[in-house]
Amino acid sequence: MLGFTGAYHGMTAGALDVSSAAPSVRDTLRLPYPQDYRCPFGVGGEEGAALGARLAESYLDDPKSGVPEPAGMIVEPVQGEGGVHPAPDAWLRRMRALTRAHKMPFIADEVQTGVGRTGAFWAVDHAGVVPDVMVLSKAIGGSLPLAVVVYHEDLDVWEPGAHAGTFRGNQLAMAAGAATLAYVRENGLAERARVLGARMLSALRSLAARHPWIGDVRGRGLMLGVELVDPEAARPDAAGPPRADATRAVAVRRECLRRGLIVELGGRHSAVVRLLPPLTITDDQATAVLDRFADALDAVDRDPLVRAPRTPPV
């Protein structure tokens, strides 16, 4: 399989094998996932994404690369646990073309991004990409446990009833899922996520002017990430962005919780604060989230224990 650095696809054996934090990887080749702030090629933007795509193409086009013909490619249109990295649309289209050229399934993991989260109903819609397989869960169940795998009919080789299981096809969860899809469409929640997400992203970026330890703010729709760094910790090679500051991220999460705001951590050394508000959030609630988050940042600034000298992770 072809997977990507920073990927997260779940906790079962096969999903762990294609996730980047797997303790041992037997059958997955890691390709660089494009990102601007910590681009593995040191350039970011369209050039960095193009270099990553060229590397993938080189692996598959060169019979001496040591990479056997893969069974498929699995990708998150926006990496969640990896630190909220939206894939550039042009790069995603290039990956789709690469998989088509090599006749392998292109699998979109939309467990976190699907059902309007990123400002489109499916995150692949931003790039105009149609995957061969799409994996869905979380939001699609409308708070009930539901997971769906949608795939092209050419890949349907199972006989009826071959994929059996005690909890598969739960009628209540499936009814809730159908109602959720209808509600999101009828109430324009994807468009709402796009508009409100852009507003919140702008507000979060304005906080970076007040806090030099905010290294980067990024996201798409209502899938937002704030990467925290230690601006006083120079890298050994004196190049690239400052080191990730996991200590400060934990402190921010703690102060947010004290103010009734639940946030997640992810990304490099878990130093990215992730905000994933519900798509039904009101304008007043969004303002409250931003106010509480800003207050939590100020509280961490005042905490002498957080500011104390320490050895940060690389």
Protein backbone atom coordinates (compact mmCIF):
# COMPACT_ATOMS: atom_id res chain seq x y z
CA MET A 1 0.00 0.00 0.00
CA LEU A 2 0.98 3.62 -0.50
CA GLY A 3 0.41 5.77 2.59
CA PHE A 4 1.66 9.13 3.80
CA THR A 5 3.71 10.61 6.60
CA GLY A 6 1.48 11.93 9.38
CA ALA A 7 -1.38 9.64 8.37
CA TYR A 8 -3.93 8.24 10.78
CA HIS A 9 -6.52 5.69 9.65
CA GLY A 10 -7.65 3.93 12.82
CA MET A 11 -6.63 1.46 15.51
CA THR A 12 -7.30 -1.96 14.00
CA ALA A 13 -4.39 -3.97 12.60
CA GLY A 14 -4.76 -3.09 8.92
CA ALA A 15 -5.55 0.56 9.64
CA LEU A 16 -2.52 0.86 11.90
CA ASP A 17 -0.31 -0.58 9.19
CA VAL A 18 -1.11 2.32 6.85
CA SER A 19 -0.93 4.93 9.65
CA SER A 20 2.35 6.74 10.25
CA ALA A 21 2.55 5.97 13.98
CA ALA A 22 2.49 2.20 13.49
CA PRO A 23 5.11 0.47 15.68
CA SER A 24 6.09 -1.73 12.74
CA VAL A 25 5.18 -1.42 9.09
CA ARG A 26 5.26 -4.47 6.87
CA ASP A 27 3.50 -3.53 3.69
CA THR A 28 3.22 0.25 3.44
CA LEU A 29 5.47 2.75 1.67
CA ARG A 30 5.42 6.21 3.27
CA LEU A 31 5.23 9.13 0.86
CA PRO A 32 5.66 12.77 2.01
CA TYR A 33 2.36 14.52 2.70
CA PRO A 34 2.48 18.13 1.47
CA GLN A 35 2.60 20.86 4.10
CA ASP A 36 3.78 24.45 4.05
CA TYR A 37 5.08 25.09 7.57
CA ARG A 38 7.30 22.02 7.88
CA CYS A 39 7.76 21.03 4.26
CA PRO A 40 10.15 18.05 4.08
CA PHE A 41 11.78 19.65 1.03
CA GLY A 42 12.18 23.02 2.73
CA VAL A 43 10.16 25.01 0.20
CA GLY A 44 6.45 24.52 0.92
CA GLY A 45 3.62 25.77 -1.25
CA GLU A 46 3.00 24.49 -4.76
CA GLU A 47 6.68 23.71 -5.28
CA GLY A 48 6.90 21.49 -2.20
CA ALA A 49 3.72 19.62 -3.15
CA ALA A 50 4.99 19.15 -6.71
CA LEU A 51 8.28 17.71 -5.44
CA GLY A 52 6.40 15.18 -3.31
CA ALA A 53 4.24 14.19 -6.26
CA ARG A 54 7.31 13.83 -8.47
CA LEU A 55 8.91 11.52 -5.89
CA ALA A 56 5.82 9.28 -5.86
CA GLU A 57 5.78 9.18 -9.66
CA SER A 58 9.48 8.31 -9.73
CA TYR A 59 9.00 5.40 -7.32
CA LEU A 60 6.27 3.88 -9.48
CA ASP A 61 7.75 4.61 -12.89
CA ASP A 62 11.22 3.25 -12.10
CA PRO A 63 11.38 -0.58 -12.08
CA LYS A 64 14.63 -0.29 -10.08
CA SER A 65 13.12 1.82 -7.28
CA GLY A 66 12.50 -1.22 -5.09
CA VAL A 67 8.79 -0.39 -4.83
CA PRO A 68 6.52 -3.19 -6.07
CA GLU A 69 3.28 -2.31 -7.80
CA PRO A 70 1.03 -1.20 -4.91
CA ALA A 71 -2.43 -2.57 -4.17
CA GLY A 72 -3.72 0.97 -3.63
CA MET A 73 -3.15 4.45 -2.20
CA ILE A 74 -4.95 5.75 0.91
CA VAL A 75 -4.98 9.46 1.71
CA GLU A 76 -6.75 11.94 4.00
CA PRO A 77 -7.85 15.05 2.04
CA VAL A 78 -7.09 16.96 5.24
CA GLN A 79 -4.86 15.24 7.78
CA GLY A 80 -6.45 15.37 11.22
CA GLU A 81 -4.28 13.63 13.80
CA GLY A 82 -1.26 14.56 11.68
CA GLY A 83 -1.73 18.24 12.52
CA VAL A 84 -4.57 19.65 10.36
CA HIS A 85 -2.85 19.76 6.98
CA PRO A 86 -5.18 20.39 4.00
CA ALA A 87 -3.95 18.67 0.85
CA PRO A 88 -3.49 21.12 -2.04
CA ASP A 89 -6.16 20.54 -4.68
CA ALA A 90 -3.65 20.25 -7.52
CA TRP A 91 -1.62 17.68 -5.57
CA LEU A 92 -4.72 15.60 -4.84
CA ARG A 93 -5.63 15.60 -8.53
CA ARG A 94 -2.09 14.50 -9.36
CA MET A 95 -2.33 11.59 -6.91
CA ARG A 96 -5.65 10.61 -8.49
CA ALA A 97 -4.04 10.65 -11.94
CA LEU A 98 -1.08 8.60 -10.67
CA THR A 99 -3.31 5.88 -9.24
CA ARG A 100 -5.38 5.78 -12.40
CA ALA A 101 -2.26 5.46 -14.56
CA HIS A 102 -1.07 2.50 -12.48
CA LYS A 103 -4.55 0.95 -12.24
CA MET A 104 -4.67 0.97 -8.44
CA PRO A 105 -7.58 2.05 -6.23
CA PHE A 106 -7.47 5.59 -4.89
CA ILE A 107 -8.88 5.47 -1.34
CA ALA A 108 -10.07 8.66 0.34
CA ASP A 109 -10.29 8.49 4.13
CA GLU A 110 -13.10 10.95 4.91
CA VAL A 111 -13.79 9.72 8.44
CA GLN A 112 -12.90 13.13 9.89
CA THR A 113 -13.43 15.34 6.84
CA GLY A 114 -16.71 14.04 5.39
CA VAL A 115 -20.29 15.34 5.66
CA GLY A 116 -19.53 19.05 5.38
CA ARG A 117 -16.66 19.47 7.85
CA THR A 118 -14.24 21.17 5.42
CA GLY A 119 -16.74 23.44 3.66
CA ALA A 120 -17.70 20.94 0.98
CA PHE A 121 -19.90 17.91 1.49
CA TRP A 122 -16.90 15.66 0.86
CA ALA A 123 -13.38 17.07 1.18
CA VAL A 124 -12.38 15.55 -2.18
CA ASP A 125 -15.00 17.82 -3.80
CA HIS A 126 -12.65 20.79 -3.37
CA ALA A 127 -10.29 19.19 -5.88
CA GLY A 128 -13.01 17.73 -8.10
CA VAL A 129 -11.63 14.25 -7.41
CA VAL A 130 -13.75 11.09 -7.50
CA PRO A 131 -12.03 8.29 -5.52
CA ASP A 132 -12.46 4.58 -6.15
CA VAL A 133 -13.09 3.98 -2.46
CA MET A 134 -14.31 6.36 0.25
CA VAL A 135 -14.26 5.51 3.97
CA LEU A 136 -16.80 7.34 6.14
CA SER A 137 -17.64 7.40 9.84
CA LYS A 138 -18.03 9.81 12.80
CA ALA A 139 -20.33 12.58 11.52
CA ILE A 140 -22.27 10.33 9.17
CA GLY A 141 -23.86 8.54 12.11
CA GLY A 142 -25.40 11.64 13.65
CA SER A 143 -23.90 10.66 17.06
CA LEU A 144 -24.68 6.94 16.63
CA PRO A 145 -21.88 4.46 15.73
CA LEU A 146 -21.87 4.06 11.96
CA ALA A 147 -19.12 3.46 9.42
CA VAL A 148 -19.55 3.12 5.67
CA VAL A 149 -17.23 2.02 2.88
CA VAL A 150 -18.34 3.23 -0.55
CA TYR A 151 -16.55 1.78 -3.54
CA HIS A 152 -16.75 1.51 -7.31
CA GLU A 153 -18.80 -1.39 -8.62
CA ASP A 154 -15.75 -2.75 -10.45
CA LEU A 155 -14.24 -3.53 -7.04
CA ASP A 156 -17.33 -5.40 -5.83
CA VAL A 157 -16.14 -9.01 -5.77
CA TRP A 158 -17.95 -10.13 -2.61
CA GLU A 159 -20.92 -12.42 -2.87
CA PRO A 160 -24.09 -11.31 -1.01
CA GLY A 161 -23.68 -11.91 2.71
CA ALA A 162 -19.94 -12.57 2.50
CA HIS A 163 -19.07 -9.62 4.75
CA ALA A 164 -20.99 -10.66 7.86
CA GLY A 165 -20.75 -9.41 11.45
CA THR A 166 -22.82 -9.15 14.61
CA PHE A 167 -23.19 -5.36 14.60
CA ARG A 168 -23.20 -4.68 10.88
CA GLY A 169 -26.27 -3.14 9.31
CA ASN A 170 -27.66 -1.68 12.54
CA GLN A 171 -31.02 -0.29 11.46
CA LEU A 172 -31.22 2.53 14.02
CA ALA A 173 -27.73 3.80 13.15
CA MET A 174 -28.45 3.58 9.43
CA ALA A 175 -31.71 5.53 9.82
CA ALA A 176 -29.84 8.17 11.85
CA GLY A 177 -27.18 8.32 9.14
CA ALA A 178 -29.74 8.85 6.38
CA ALA A 179 -31.40 11.60 8.44
CA THR A 180 -28.04 13.25 9.12
CA LEU A 181 -27.09 13.36 5.44
CA ALA A 182 -30.46 14.91 4.60
CA TYR A 183 -30.23 17.49 7.39
CA VAL A 184 -26.72 18.61 6.41
CA ARG A 185 -27.78 19.06 2.78
CA GLU A 186 -31.12 20.74 3.45
CA ASN A 187 -29.62 23.23 5.93
CA GLY A 188 -26.50 24.07 3.91
CA LEU A 189 -24.13 23.12 6.73
CA ALA A 190 -21.19 22.56 4.38
CA GLU A 191 -21.44 26.13 3.09
CA ARG A 192 -21.91 27.30 6.67
CA ALA A 193 -18.68 25.52 7.63
CA ARG A 194 -16.85 27.20 4.74
CA VAL A 195 -17.95 30.71 5.67
CA LEU A 196 -17.65 30.42 9.44
CA GLY A 197 -14.40 28.45 9.16
CA ALA A 198 -12.78 31.23 7.13
CA ARG A 199 -13.89 33.76 9.74
CA MET A 200 -12.52 31.70 12.63
CA LEU A 201 -9.27 31.03 10.75
CA SER A 202 -8.76 34.77 10.29
CA ALA A 203 -9.44 35.43 13.97
CA LEU A 204 -7.01 32.71 15.05
CA ARG A 205 -4.31 34.16 12.79
CA SER A 206 -4.77 37.55 14.40
CA LEU A 207 -3.85 35.94 17.74
CA ALA A 208 -0.44 34.99 16.33
CA ALA A 209 0.53 38.69 16.32
CA ARG A 210 0.11 38.70 20.12
CA HIS A 211 1.79 35.36 20.78
CA PRO A 212 5.13 34.67 19.07
CA TRP A 213 4.88 31.03 20.11
CA ILE A 214 2.03 30.49 17.65
CA GLY A 215 4.03 29.15 14.74
CA ASP A 216 1.27 28.46 12.25
CA VAL A 217 -2.52 28.58 11.92
CA ARG A 218 -4.13 26.46 9.23
CA GLY A 219 -7.23 24.52 8.30
CA ARG A 220 -10.18 24.16 5.98
CA GLY A 221 -13.77 24.85 6.92
CA LEU A 222 -14.40 23.95 10.56
CA MET A 223 -11.28 21.80 10.80
CA LEU A 224 -8.72 24.17 12.34
CA GLY A 225 -5.22 23.79 13.79
CA VAL A 226 -2.86 26.07 15.71
CA GLU A 227 0.76 24.86 15.90
CA LEU A 228 2.65 25.99 18.99
CA VAL A 229 6.42 26.42 18.96
CA ASP A 230 9.23 27.63 21.19
CA PRO A 231 10.57 30.71 19.37
CA GLU A 232 13.60 30.87 21.68
CA ALA A 233 14.75 27.32 20.92
CA ALA A 234 17.05 27.40 17.92
CA ARG A 235 17.23 24.33 15.72
CA PRO A 236 20.63 22.60 15.56
CA ASP A 237 20.94 23.49 11.88
CA ALA A 238 19.49 27.01 12.43
CA ALA A 239 17.10 26.36 9.54
CA GLY A 240 13.39 25.87 9.23
CA PRO A 241 10.62 26.82 11.68
CA PRO A 242 11.14 26.71 15.48
CA ARG A 243 10.79 23.45 17.31
CA ALA A 244 7.38 22.17 18.28
CA ASP A 245 6.42 23.03 21.86
CA ALA A 246 4.46 20.13 23.34
CA THR A 247 4.67 21.56 26.88
CA ARG A 248 2.91 24.75 25.87
CA ALA A 249 0.29 22.82 23.90
CA VAL A 250 -0.61 20.74 26.97
CA ALA A 251 -0.84 23.93 29.02
CA VAL A 252 -3.16 25.54 26.46
CA ARG A 253 -5.39 22.48 26.43
CA ARG A 254 -5.55 22.56 30.24
CA GLU A 255 -6.46 26.26 30.32
CA CYS A 256 -9.09 25.75 27.63
CA LEU A 257 -10.71 22.98 29.66
CA ARG A 258 -10.77 25.22 32.73
CA ARG A 259 -12.83 27.64 30.64
CA GLY A 260 -15.25 24.99 29.41
CA LEU A 261 -13.64 24.56 26.00
CA ILE A 262 -12.54 21.08 24.88
CA VAL A 263 -9.73 20.96 22.30
CA GLU A 264 -7.59 18.13 20.96
CA LEU A 265 -3.86 17.93 20.33
CA GLY A 266 -2.18 16.40 17.30
CA GLY A 267 0.62 16.88 14.81
CA ARG A 268 4.35 16.96 15.39
CA HIS A 269 5.01 16.05 19.06
CA SER A 270 1.29 16.73 19.68
CA ALA A 271 1.97 20.47 19.59
CA VAL A 272 -0.96 21.38 17.31
CA VAL A 273 -4.14 22.50 19.07
CA ARG A 274 -7.09 21.21 17.03
CA LEU A 275 -10.49 22.92 16.99
CA LEU A 276 -13.36 20.90 15.55
CA PRO A 277 -16.59 22.71 16.45
CA PRO A 278 -19.96 21.18 15.51
CA LEU A 279 -21.33 22.26 12.15
CA THR A 280 -24.43 23.58 13.93
CA ILE A 281 -22.42 26.09 15.99
CA THR A 282 -23.96 29.57 16.10
CA ASP A 283 -22.12 32.83 15.53
CA ASP A 284 -22.35 33.65 19.24
CA GLN A 285 -20.97 30.25 20.18
CA ALA A 286 -18.10 30.65 17.70
CA THR A 287 -17.26 34.00 19.27
CA ALA A 288 -17.31 32.37 22.70
CA VAL A 289 -14.92 29.67 21.49
CA LEU A 290 -12.49 32.26 20.15
CA ASP A 291 -12.74 34.37 23.31
CA ARG A 292 -12.09 31.41 25.59
CA PHE A 293 -9.22 30.23 23.44
CA ALA A 294 -7.65 33.71 23.46
CA ASP A 295 -8.08 33.87 27.24
CA ALA A 296 -6.40 30.47 27.59
CA LEU A 297 -3.43 31.68 25.52
CA ASP A 298 -3.09 34.74 27.76
CA ALA A 299 -3.20 32.53 30.86
CA VAL A 300 -0.38 30.37 29.50
CA ASP A 301 1.63 33.52 28.78
CA ARG A 302 1.33 34.44 32.46
CA ASP A 303 2.33 30.97 33.70
CA PRO A 304 6.01 31.05 34.83
CA LEU A 305 6.24 27.25 34.80
CA VAL A 306 5.43 27.14 31.10
CA ARG A 307 7.97 29.90 30.35
CA ALA A 308 10.73 28.16 32.36
CA PRO A 309 13.75 27.00 30.32
CA ARG A 310 13.50 23.40 29.16
CA THR A 311 14.78 21.13 26.44
CA PRO A 312 12.08 21.00 23.76
CA PRO A 313 11.63 18.10 21.35
CA VAL A 314 13.14 18.26 17.89
